[in-house]
All heavy atoms as atom14 arrays in JSON, in Angstrom:
{
  "sequence": "RKMRIYTSKELSFGQKINYWASIWYWYAPIKRFLYVFSPILYATFG",
  "atom14_mask": [
    [1, 1, 1, 1, 1, 1, 1, 1, 1, 1, 1, 0, 0, 0],
    [1, 1, 1, 1, 1, 1, 1, 1, 1, 0, 0, 0, 0, 0],
    [1, 1, 1, 1, 1, 1, 1, 1, 0, 0, 0, 0, 0, 0],
    [1, 1, 1, 1, 1, 1, 1, 1, 1, 1, 1, 0, 0, 0],
    [1, 1, 1, 1, 1, 1, 1, 1, 0, 0, 0, 0, 0, 0],
    [1, 1, 1, 1, 1, 1, 1, 1, 1, 1, 1, 1, 0, 0],
    [1, 1, 1, 1, 1, 1, 1, 0, 0, 0, 0, 0, 0, 0],
    [1, 1, 1, 1, 1, 1, 0, 0, 0, 0, 0, 0, 0, 0],
    [1, 1, 1, 1, 1, 1, 1, 1, 1, 0, 0, 0, 0, 0],
    [1, 1, 1, 1, 1, 1, 1, 1, 1, 0, 0, 0, 0, 0],
    [1, 1, 1, 1, 1, 1, 1, 1, 0, 0, 0, 0, 0, 0],
    [1, 1, 1, 1, 1, 1, 0, 0, 0, 0, 0, 0, 0, 0],
    [1, 1, 1, 1, 1, 1, 1, 1, 1, 1, 1, 0, 0, 0],
    [1, 1, 1, 1, 0, 0, 0, 0, 0, 0, 0, 0, 0, 0],
    [1, 1, 1, 1, 1, 1, 1, 1, 1, 0, 0, 0, 0, 0],
    [1, 1, 1, 1, 1, 1, 1, 1, 1, 0, 0, 0, 0, 0],
    [1, 1, 1, 1, 1, 1, 1, 1, 0, 0, 0, 0, 0, 0],
    [1, 1, 1, 1, 1, 1, 1, 1, 0, 0, 0, 0, 0, 0],
    [1, 1, 1, 1, 1, 1, 1, 1, 1, 1, 1, 1, 0, 0],
    [1, 1, 1, 1, 1, 1, 1, 1, 1, 1, 1, 1, 1, 1],
    [1, 1, 1, 1, 1, 0, 0, 0, 0, 0, 0, 0, 0, 0],
    [1, 1, 1, 1, 1, 1, 0, 0, 0, 0, 0, 0, 0, 0],
    [1, 1, 1, 1, 1, 1, 1, 1, 0, 0, 0, 0, 0, 0],
    [1, 1, 1, 1, 1, 1, 1, 1, 1, 1, 1, 1, 1, 1],
    [1, 1, 1, 1, 1, 1, 1, 1, 1, 1, 1, 1, 0, 0],
    [1, 1, 1, 1, 1, 1, 1, 1, 1, 1, 1, 1, 1, 1],
    [1, 1, 1, 1, 1, 1, 1, 1, 1, 1, 1, 1, 0, 0],
    [1, 1, 1, 1, 1, 0, 0, 0, 0, 0, 0, 0, 0, 0],
    [1, 1, 1, 1, 1, 1, 1, 0, 0, 0, 0, 0, 0, 0],
    [1, 1, 1, 1, 1, 1, 1, 1, 0, 0, 0, 0, 0, 0],
    [1, 1, 1, 1, 1, 1, 1, 1, 1, 0, 0, 0, 0, 0],
    [1, 1, 1, 1, 1, 1, 1, 1, 1, 1, 1, 0, 0, 0],
    [1, 1, 1, 1, 1, 1, 1, 1, 1, 1, 1, 0, 0, 0],
    [1, 1, 1, 1, 1, 1, 1, 1, 0, 0, 0, 0, 0, 0],
    [1, 1, 1, 1, 1, 1, 1, 1, 1, 1, 1, 1, 0, 0],
    [1, 1, 1, 1, 1, 1, 1, 0, 0, 0, 0, 0, 0, 0],
    [1, 1, 1, 1, 1, 1, 1, 1, 1, 1, 1, 0, 0, 0],
    [1, 1, 1, 1, 1, 1, 0, 0, 0, 0, 0, 0, 0, 0],
    [1, 1, 1, 1, 1, 1, 1, 0, 0, 0, 0, 0, 0, 0],
    [1, 1, 1, 1, 1, 1, 1, 1, 0, 0, 0, 0, 0, 0],
    [1, 1, 1, 1, 1, 1, 1, 1, 0, 0, 0, 0, 0, 0],
    [1, 1, 1, 1, 1, 1, 1, 1, 1, 1, 1, 1, 0, 0],
    [1, 1, 1, 1, 1, 0, 0, 0, 0, 0, 0, 0, 0, 0],
    [1, 1, 1, 1, 1, 1, 1, 0, 0, 0, 0, 0, 0, 0],
    [1, 1, 1, 1, 1, 1, 1, 1, 1, 1, 1, 0, 0, 0],
    [1, 1, 1, 1, 0, 0, 0, 0, 0, 0, 0, 0, 0, 0]
  ],
  "atom14_positions": [
    [[0.85, -1.25, -0.01], [0.03, -0.04, -0.02], [0.86, 1.25, 0.0], [0.65, 2.24, -0.74], [-0.91, -0.04, 1.22], [-1.96, 1.07, 1.3], [-3.07, 0.73, 2.36], [-2.42, 0.52, 3.67], [-2.53, -0.62, 4.31], [-3.21, -1.67, 3.75], [-2.07, -0.82, 5.52], [0.0, 0.0, 0.0], [0.0, 0.0, 0.0], [0.0, 0.0, 0.0]],
    [[1.92, 1.28, 0.83], [2.8, 2.46, 0.91], [3.59, 2.64, -0.35], [3.88, 3.79, -0.73], [3.71, 2.29, 2.1], [3.05, 2.37, 3.43], [3.93, 2.08, 4.65], [3.28, 2.09, 5.98], [4.12, 1.72, 7.07], [0.0, 0.0, 0.0], [0.0, 0.0, 0.0], [0.0, 0.0, 0.0], [0.0, 0.0, 0.0], [0.0, 0.0, 0.0]],
    [[4.03, 1.57, -1.02], [4.77, 1.65, -2.22], [3.95, 1.97, -3.51], [4.47, 2.23, -4.53], [5.61, 0.33, -2.49], [6.61, -0.01, -1.42], [8.11, 1.01, -1.48], [7.83, 1.95, 0.06], [0.0, 0.0, 0.0], [0.0, 0.0, 0.0], [0.0, 0.0, 0.0], [0.0, 0.0, 0.0], [0.0, 0.0, 0.0], [0.0, 0.0, 0.0]],
    [[2.63, 1.9, -3.31], [1.7, 2.14, -4.38], [2.17, 1.39, -5.63], [2.2, 1.91, -6.73], [1.67, 3.64, -4.71], [1.24, 4.49, -3.55], [1.2, 5.98, -3.87], [0.78, 6.8, -2.69], [0.74, 8.07, -2.68], [1.14, 8.77, -3.73], [0.38, 8.75, -1.57], [0.0, 0.0, 0.0], [0.0, 0.0, 0.0], [0.0, 0.0, 0.0]],
    [[2.24, 0.09, -5.44], [2.83, -0.76, -6.48], [1.87, -0.83, -7.71], [2.37, -1.0, -8.89], [3.06, -2.2, -6.03], [1.81, -2.84, -5.52], [4.11, -2.2, -4.92], [1.98, -4.34, -5.25], [0.0, 0.0, 0.0], [0.0, 0.0, 0.0], [0.0, 0.0, 0.0], [0.0, 0.0, 0.0], [0.0, 0.0, 0.0], [0.0, 0.0, 0.0]],
    [[0.58, -0.66, -7.55], [-0.36, -0.76, -8.69], [-0.35, 0.48, -9.54], [-0.64, 0.39, -10.75], [-1.76, -1.04, -8.17], [-1.83, -2.23, -7.26], [-2.42, -2.11, -5.97], [-1.33, -3.5, -7.64], [-2.41, -3.2, -5.1], [-1.45, -4.56, -6.83], [-1.99, -4.42, -5.49], [-2.03, -5.51, -4.67], [0.0, 0.0, 0.0], [0.0, 0.0, 0.0]],
    [[-0.01, 1.65, -9.0], [-0.06, 2.86, -9.78], [1.35, 3.41, -10.03], [1.45, 4.4, -10.76], [-0.87, 3.94, -9.07], [-0.33, 4.14, -7.73], [-2.28, 3.46, -8.85], [0.0, 0.0, 0.0], [0.0, 0.0, 0.0], [0.0, 0.0, 0.0], [0.0, 0.0, 0.0], [0.0, 0.0, 0.0], [0.0, 0.0, 0.0], [0.0, 0.0, 0.0]],
    [[2.39, 2.83, -9.5], [3.72, 3.43, -9.62], [4.2, 3.33, -11.1], [4.18, 2.34, -11.8], [4.69, 2.66, -8.73], [6.06, 3.05, -8.98], [0.0, 0.0, 0.0], [0.0, 0.0, 0.0], [0.0, 0.0, 0.0], [0.0, 0.0, 0.0], [0.0, 0.0, 0.0], [0.0, 0.0, 0.0], [0.0, 0.0, 0.0], [0.0, 0.0, 0.0]],
    [[4.72, 4.5, -11.57], [5.2, 4.57, -12.92], [6.61, 3.94, -12.99], [7.09, 3.67, -14.1], [5.25, 6.04, -13.43], [3.88, 6.6, -13.53], [3.94, 8.07, -14.02], [2.57, 8.76, -14.16], [2.64, 10.11, -14.62], [0.0, 0.0, 0.0], [0.0, 0.0, 0.0], [0.0, 0.0, 0.0], [0.0, 0.0, 0.0], [0.0, 0.0, 0.0]],
    [[7.3, 3.78, -11.82], [8.68, 3.28, -11.85], [8.67, 1.78, -11.96], [9.75, 1.2, -12.14], [9.34, 3.67, -10.55], [9.63, 5.22, -10.45], [8.51, 5.91, -9.74], [7.45, 5.26, -9.49], [8.63, 7.04, -9.36], [0.0, 0.0, 0.0], [0.0, 0.0, 0.0], [0.0, 0.0, 0.0], [0.0, 0.0, 0.0], [0.0, 0.0, 0.0]],
    [[7.52, 1.11, -11.78], [7.5, -0.34, -11.88], [6.85, -0.82, -13.25], [5.83, -0.18, -13.67], [6.67, -0.93, -10.71], [7.27, -0.75, -9.34], [6.29, -1.29, -8.3], [8.63, -1.41, -9.2], [0.0, 0.0, 0.0], [0.0, 0.0, 0.0], [0.0, 0.0, 0.0], [0.0, 0.0, 0.0], [0.0, 0.0, 0.0], [0.0, 0.0, 0.0]],
    [[7.42, -1.81, -13.85], [6.81, -2.38, -15.08], [5.62, -3.21, -14.8], [5.38, -3.54, -13.6], [7.87, -3.16, -15.77], [8.14, -4.41, -14.97], [0.0, 0.0, 0.0], [0.0, 0.0, 0.0], [0.0, 0.0, 0.0], [0.0, 0.0, 0.0], [0.0, 0.0, 0.0], [0.0, 0.0, 0.0], [0.0, 0.0, 0.0], [0.0, 0.0, 0.0]],
    [[4.91, -3.59, -15.81], [3.71, -4.41, -15.63], [4.11, -5.72, -14.97], [3.42, -6.26, -14.09], [3.0, -4.63, -16.91], [1.84, -5.65, -16.8], [0.61, -5.22, -16.29], [2.01, -7.0, -17.24], [-0.43, -6.17, -16.18], [0.96, -7.88, -17.12], [-0.3, -7.44, -16.58], [0.0, 0.0, 0.0], [0.0, 0.0, 0.0], [0.0, 0.0, 0.0]],
    [[5.24, -6.33, -15.43], [5.72, -7.57, -14.87], [6.02, -7.48, -13.39], [5.73, -8.41, -12.58], [0.0, 0.0, 0.0], [0.0, 0.0, 0.0], [0.0, 0.0, 0.0], [0.0, 0.0, 0.0], [0.0, 0.0, 0.0], [0.0, 0.0, 0.0], [0.0, 0.0, 0.0], [0.0, 0.0, 0.0], [0.0, 0.0, 0.0], [0.0, 0.0, 0.0]],
    [[6.65, -6.35, -13.0], [6.89, -6.16, -11.58], [5.61, -6.02, -10.76], [5.51, -6.55, -9.7], [7.83, -4.98, -11.39], [9.26, -5.21, -11.9], [10.08, -3.89, -11.84], [9.55, -2.81, -12.34], [11.22, -3.95, -11.32], [0.0, 0.0, 0.0], [0.0, 0.0, 0.0], [0.0, 0.0, 0.0], [0.0, 0.0, 0.0], [0.0, 0.0, 0.0]],
    [[4.69, -5.24, -11.31], [3.41, -4.98, -10.57], [2.69, -6.3, -10.37], [2.13, -6.55, -9.3], [2.58, -4.01, -11.39], [3.08, -2.59, -11.36], [2.21, -1.66, -12.19], [2.77, -0.23, -12.21], [1.98, 0.67, -13.07], [0.0, 0.0, 0.0], [0.0, 0.0, 0.0], [0.0, 0.0, 0.0], [0.0, 0.0, 0.0], [0.0, 0.0, 0.0]],
    [[2.58, -7.1, -11.41], [1.8, -8.35, -11.33], [2.54, -9.35, -10.39], [1.83, -10.05, -9.63], [1.52, -9.0, -12.72], [0.41, -10.02, -12.62], [2.82, -9.56, -13.27], [-0.93, -9.45, -12.4], [0.0, 0.0, 0.0], [0.0, 0.0, 0.0], [0.0, 0.0, 0.0], [0.0, 0.0, 0.0], [0.0, 0.0, 0.0], [0.0, 0.0, 0.0]],
    [[3.82, -9.36, -10.3], [4.52, -10.21, -9.42], [4.39, -9.77, -8.01], [4.26, -10.56, -7.06], [5.97, -10.33, -9.8], [6.24, -11.43, -10.84], [6.26, -12.56, -10.46], [6.33, -11.01, -12.13], [0.0, 0.0, 0.0], [0.0, 0.0, 0.0], [0.0, 0.0, 0.0], [0.0, 0.0, 0.0], [0.0, 0.0, 0.0], [0.0, 0.0, 0.0]],
    [[4.45, -8.46, -7.72], [4.25, -7.88, -6.39], [2.78, -8.09, -5.93], [2.52, -8.25, -4.74], [4.76, -6.48, -6.32], [6.25, -6.42, -6.08], [7.07, -5.85, -7.03], [6.85, -7.04, -4.98], [8.47, -5.85, -6.84], [8.15, -7.0, -4.81], [9.04, -6.39, -5.71], [10.37, -6.44, -5.56], [0.0, 0.0, 0.0], [0.0, 0.0, 0.0]],
    [[1.84, -8.01, -6.86], [0.49, -8.29, -6.54], [0.41, -9.77, -6.1], [-0.24, -10.01, -5.01], [-0.41, -8.12, -7.77], [-1.81, -8.65, -7.47], [-2.82, -8.03, -6.83], [-2.29, -9.97, -7.77], [-3.91, -8.86, -6.72], [-3.57, -10.07, -7.31], [-1.74, -11.06, -8.45], [-4.37, -11.28, -7.47], [-2.46, -12.18, -8.6], [-3.73, -12.31, -8.11]],
    [[1.07, -10.64, -6.76], [1.05, -12.08, -6.38], [1.68, -12.22, -4.99], [1.22, -13.06, -4.21], [1.73, -12.93, -7.39], [0.0, 0.0, 0.0], [0.0, 0.0, 0.0], [0.0, 0.0, 0.0], [0.0, 0.0, 0.0], [0.0, 0.0, 0.0], [0.0, 0.0, 0.0], [0.0, 0.0, 0.0], [0.0, 0.0, 0.0], [0.0, 0.0, 0.0]],
    [[2.75, -11.43, -4.72], [3.38, -11.57, -3.38], [2.44, -11.13, -2.26], [2.38, -11.74, -1.2], [4.61, -10.64, -3.34], [5.55, -11.07, -4.3], [0.0, 0.0, 0.0], [0.0, 0.0, 0.0], [0.0, 0.0, 0.0], [0.0, 0.0, 0.0], [0.0, 0.0, 0.0], [0.0, 0.0, 0.0], [0.0, 0.0, 0.0], [0.0, 0.0, 0.0]],
    [[1.68, -10.1, -2.56], [0.7, -9.6, -1.56], [-0.48, -10.63, -1.41], [-0.9, -10.96, -0.3], [0.2, -8.2, -1.91], [1.36, -7.22, -1.83], [-0.95, -7.77, -1.03], [1.09, -5.88, -2.43], [0.0, 0.0, 0.0], [0.0, 0.0, 0.0], [0.0, 0.0, 0.0], [0.0, 0.0, 0.0], [0.0, 0.0, 0.0], [0.0, 0.0, 0.0]],
    [[-0.96, -11.02, -2.56], [-2.13, -11.98, -2.51], [-1.78, -13.26, -1.82], [-2.63, -13.88, -1.17], [-2.59, -12.26, -3.92], [-3.73, -13.22, -3.96], [-3.74, -14.5, -4.5], [-5.04, -13.06, -3.44], [-4.92, -15.1, -4.31], [-5.75, -14.26, -3.68], [-5.69, -11.97, -2.75], [-7.08, -14.37, -3.29], [-7.0, -12.13, -2.4], [-7.7, -13.29, -2.64]],
    [[-0.51, -13.67, -1.86], [-0.08, -14.97, -1.24], [-0.4, -14.86, 0.26], [-0.81, -15.83, 0.86], [1.44, -15.11, -1.41], [1.99, -16.16, -0.55], [1.8, -17.56, -0.84], [2.62, -15.91, 0.65], [2.34, -18.53, -0.01], [3.09, -16.85, 1.5], [2.95, -18.23, 1.17], [3.42, -19.22, 2.06], [0.0, 0.0, 0.0], [0.0, 0.0, 0.0]],
    [[-0.25, -13.71, 0.92], [-0.46, -13.62, 2.29], [-1.93, -13.54, 2.7], [-2.25, -13.4, 3.88], [0.25, -12.37, 2.87], [1.77, -12.6, 2.86], [2.64, -12.0, 1.98], [2.51, -13.5, 3.63], [3.91, -12.48, 2.27], [3.86, -13.42, 3.27], [2.17, -14.34, 4.68], [4.87, -14.21, 3.88], [3.12, -15.15, 5.31], [4.44, -15.04, 4.89]],
    [[-2.75, -13.63, 1.68], [-4.21, -13.77, 1.97], [-4.68, -15.21, 2.03], [-5.81, -15.55, 2.02], [-5.08, -13.01, 0.89], [-5.13, -11.56, 1.1], [-4.13, -10.68, 0.58], [-6.1, -10.94, 1.98], [-4.16, -9.31, 0.89], [-6.12, -9.57, 2.24], [-5.17, -8.77, 1.7], [-5.13, -7.42, 1.92], [0.0, 0.0, 0.0], [0.0, 0.0, 0.0]],
    [[-3.6, -16.12, 2.04], [-3.92, -17.53, 2.16], [-4.78, -17.84, 3.37], [-5.66, -18.7, 3.29], [-2.61, -18.3, 2.22], [0.0, 0.0, 0.0], [0.0, 0.0, 0.0], [0.0, 0.0, 0.0], [0.0, 0.0, 0.0], [0.0, 0.0, 0.0], [0.0, 0.0, 0.0], [0.0, 0.0, 0.0], [0.0, 0.0, 0.0], [0.0, 0.0, 0.0]],
    [[-4.62, -17.14, 4.58], [-5.47, -17.44, 5.63], [-6.98, -17.28, 5.34], [-7.86, -18.03, 5.79], [-5.03, -16.49, 6.75], [-3.67, -16.2, 6.44], [-3.59, -16.19, 4.94], [0.0, 0.0, 0.0], [0.0, 0.0, 0.0], [0.0, 0.0, 0.0], [0.0, 0.0, 0.0], [0.0, 0.0, 0.0], [0.0, 0.0, 0.0], [0.0, 0.0, 0.0]],
    [[-7.27, -16.27, 4.61], [-8.66, -16.02, 4.2], [-9.12, -17.03, 3.18], [-10.25, -17.56, 3.25], [-8.86, -14.59, 3.64], [-8.51, -13.5, 4.74], [-10.2, -14.34, 3.03], [-8.55, -12.12, 4.31], [0.0, 0.0, 0.0], [0.0, 0.0, 0.0], [0.0, 0.0, 0.0], [0.0, 0.0, 0.0], [0.0, 0.0, 0.0], [0.0, 0.0, 0.0]],
    [[-8.26, -17.33, 2.24], [-8.64, -18.43, 1.27], [-8.89, -19.69, 1.99], [-9.86, -20.37, 1.66], [-7.48, -18.55, 0.26], [-7.26, -17.4, -0.67], [-6.2, -17.71, -1.71], [-4.81, -17.62, -1.05], [-3.75, -17.84, -2.12], [0.0, 0.0, 0.0], [0.0, 0.0, 0.0], [0.0, 0.0, 0.0], [0.0, 0.0, 0.0], [0.0, 0.0, 0.0]],
    [[-7.99, -20.11, 2.86], [-8.14, -21.42, 3.53], [-9.39, -21.39, 4.42], [-10.06, -22.43, 4.52], [-6.93, -21.69, 4.35], [-5.66, -21.97, 3.52], [-5.81, -23.07, 2.5], [-4.75, -23.13, 1.56], [-4.68, -24.0, 0.57], [-5.71, -24.85, 0.38], [-3.65, -24.05, -0.28], [0.0, 0.0, 0.0], [0.0, 0.0, 0.0], [0.0, 0.0, 0.0]],
    [[-9.68, -20.27, 5.11], [-10.87, -20.22, 5.91], [-12.17, -20.43, 5.04], [-13.04, -21.24, 5.42], [-10.99, -18.78, 6.56], [-12.28, -18.56, 7.21], [-12.54, -19.1, 8.49], [-13.3, -17.8, 6.67], [-13.76, -18.91, 9.17], [-14.5, -17.59, 7.33], [-14.73, -18.14, 8.56], [0.0, 0.0, 0.0], [0.0, 0.0, 0.0], [0.0, 0.0, 0.0]],
    [[-12.17, -19.83, 3.85], [-13.33, -20.03, 2.98], [-13.41, -21.48, 2.48], [-14.49, -22.05, 2.36], [-13.26, -19.07, 1.81], [-13.5, -17.57, 2.15], [-13.22, -16.66, 0.97], [-14.95, -17.44, 2.55], [0.0, 0.0, 0.0], [0.0, 0.0, 0.0], [0.0, 0.0, 0.0], [0.0, 0.0, 0.0], [0.0, 0.0, 0.0], [0.0, 0.0, 0.0]],
    [[-12.29, -22.02, 2.15], [-12.25, -23.45, 1.65], [-12.7, -24.4, 2.77], [-13.35, -25.39, 2.46], [-10.83, -23.86, 1.24], [-10.32, -23.11, 0.0], [-8.95, -23.08, -0.31], [-11.19, -22.48, -0.86], [-8.52, -22.43, -1.4], [-10.78, -21.8, -1.96], [-9.38, -21.78, -2.28], [-8.89, -21.08, -3.34], [0.0, 0.0, 0.0], [0.0, 0.0, 0.0]],
    [[-12.41, -24.1, 4.06], [-12.77, -24.97, 5.05], [-14.25, -24.74, 5.51], [-15.04, -25.65, 5.75], [-11.91, -24.77, 6.35], [-12.41, -25.46, 7.57], [-10.51, -25.29, 6.11], [0.0, 0.0, 0.0], [0.0, 0.0, 0.0], [0.0, 0.0, 0.0], [0.0, 0.0, 0.0], [0.0, 0.0, 0.0], [0.0, 0.0, 0.0], [0.0, 0.0, 0.0]],
    [[-14.64, -23.44, 5.59], [-15.88, -23.07, 6.16], [-17.08, -23.22, 5.18], [-18.24, -23.38, 5.55], [-15.93, -21.66, 6.71], [-16.81, -21.49, 7.85], [-16.62, -22.08, 9.06], [-18.04, -20.72, 7.72], [-17.44, -21.93, 10.14], [-18.91, -20.61, 8.76], [-18.64, -21.13, 9.97], [0.0, 0.0, 0.0], [0.0, 0.0, 0.0], [0.0, 0.0, 0.0]],
    [[-16.76, -23.21, 3.84], [-17.85, -23.33, 2.88], [-18.59, -24.63, 2.94], [-19.81, -24.72, 3.03], [-17.31, -23.1, 1.41], [-16.92, -21.77, 1.25], [0.0, 0.0, 0.0], [0.0, 0.0, 0.0], [0.0, 0.0, 0.0], [0.0, 0.0, 0.0], [0.0, 0.0, 0.0], [0.0, 0.0, 0.0], [0.0, 0.0, 0.0], [0.0, 0.0, 0.0]],
    [[-17.87, -25.78, 3.02], [-18.61, -27.06, 3.15], [-19.3, -27.19, 4.54], [-20.36, -27.84, 4.67], [-17.53, -28.1, 3.01], [-16.29, -27.47, 3.25], [-16.48, -26.06, 2.74], [0.0, 0.0, 0.0], [0.0, 0.0, 0.0], [0.0, 0.0, 0.0], [0.0, 0.0, 0.0], [0.0, 0.0, 0.0], [0.0, 0.0, 0.0], [0.0, 0.0, 0.0]],
    [[-18.78, -26.5, 5.55], [-19.35, -26.53, 6.88], [-20.67, -25.74, 6.87], [-21.68, -26.15, 7.43], [-18.41, -25.89, 7.91], [-17.24, -26.94, 8.16], [-19.17, -25.65, 9.22], [-16.23, -26.39, 9.18], [0.0, 0.0, 0.0], [0.0, 0.0, 0.0], [0.0, 0.0, 0.0], [0.0, 0.0, 0.0], [0.0, 0.0, 0.0], [0.0, 0.0, 0.0]],
    [[-20.66, -24.63, 6.11], [-21.9, -23.82, 5.95], [-23.03, -24.66, 5.33], [-24.19, -24.58, 5.7], [-21.64, -22.58, 5.1], [-21.14, -21.29, 5.75], [-20.87, -20.23, 4.71], [-22.15, -20.87, 6.83], [0.0, 0.0, 0.0], [0.0, 0.0, 0.0], [0.0, 0.0, 0.0], [0.0, 0.0, 0.0], [0.0, 0.0, 0.0], [0.0, 0.0, 0.0]],
    [[-22.64, -25.5, 4.34], [-23.61, -26.34, 3.73], [-24.1, -27.53, 4.59], [-25.21, -27.73, 4.88], [-23.15, -26.88, 2.4], [-24.03, -27.9, 1.74], [-25.23, -27.56, 1.14], [-23.65, -29.24, 1.73], [-26.09, -28.42, 0.59], [-24.5, -30.22, 1.2], [-25.69, -29.79, 0.62], [-26.53, -30.75, 0.07], [0.0, 0.0, 0.0], [0.0, 0.0, 0.0]],
    [[-23.04, -28.3, 4.98], [-23.34, -29.57, 5.73], [-23.88, -29.3, 7.15], [-24.77, -30.07, 7.58], [-22.04, -30.38, 5.79], [0.0, 0.0, 0.0], [0.0, 0.0, 0.0], [0.0, 0.0, 0.0], [0.0, 0.0, 0.0], [0.0, 0.0, 0.0], [0.0, 0.0, 0.0], [0.0, 0.0, 0.0], [0.0, 0.0, 0.0], [0.0, 0.0, 0.0]],
    [[-23.39, -28.28, 7.81], [-23.78, -28.09, 9.22], [-24.93, -27.12, 9.33], [-25.84, -27.36, 10.21], [-22.58, -27.57, 9.97], [-21.5, -28.53, 9.82], [-22.89, -27.5, 11.51], [0.0, 0.0, 0.0], [0.0, 0.0, 0.0], [0.0, 0.0, 0.0], [0.0, 0.0, 0.0], [0.0, 0.0, 0.0], [0.0, 0.0, 0.0], [0.0, 0.0, 0.0]],
    [[-24.92, -26.01, 8.56], [-25.91, -25.01, 8.67], [-26.95, -24.94, 7.54], [-27.9, -24.13, 7.65], [-25.22, -23.65, 8.8], [-24.3, -23.54, 10.04], [-22.96, -23.64, 9.84], [-24.8, -23.41, 11.28], [-22.09, -23.57, 10.92], [-23.97, -23.35, 12.36], [-22.58, -23.43, 12.21], [0.0, 0.0, 0.0], [0.0, 0.0, 0.0], [0.0, 0.0, 0.0]],
    [[-26.73, -25.73, 6.54], [-27.76, -25.86, 5.46], [-27.77, -24.81, 4.41], [-28.72, -24.66, 3.63], [0.0, 0.0, 0.0], [0.0, 0.0, 0.0], [0.0, 0.0, 0.0], [0.0, 0.0, 0.0], [0.0, 0.0, 0.0], [0.0, 0.0, 0.0], [0.0, 0.0, 0.0], [0.0, 0.0, 0.0], [0.0, 0.0, 0.0], [0.0, 0.0, 0.0]]
  ]
}
């Protein structure tokens, strides 16, 4: 957020997309929570 990687003119598209992937990687806890809780929502709560 501080480096403004998505709008920075000093970074190429390749750099931006790779740094986006670096940031998105750390959203794994949210991804895994959804992967675990989605079947529980169906099987346990209907």
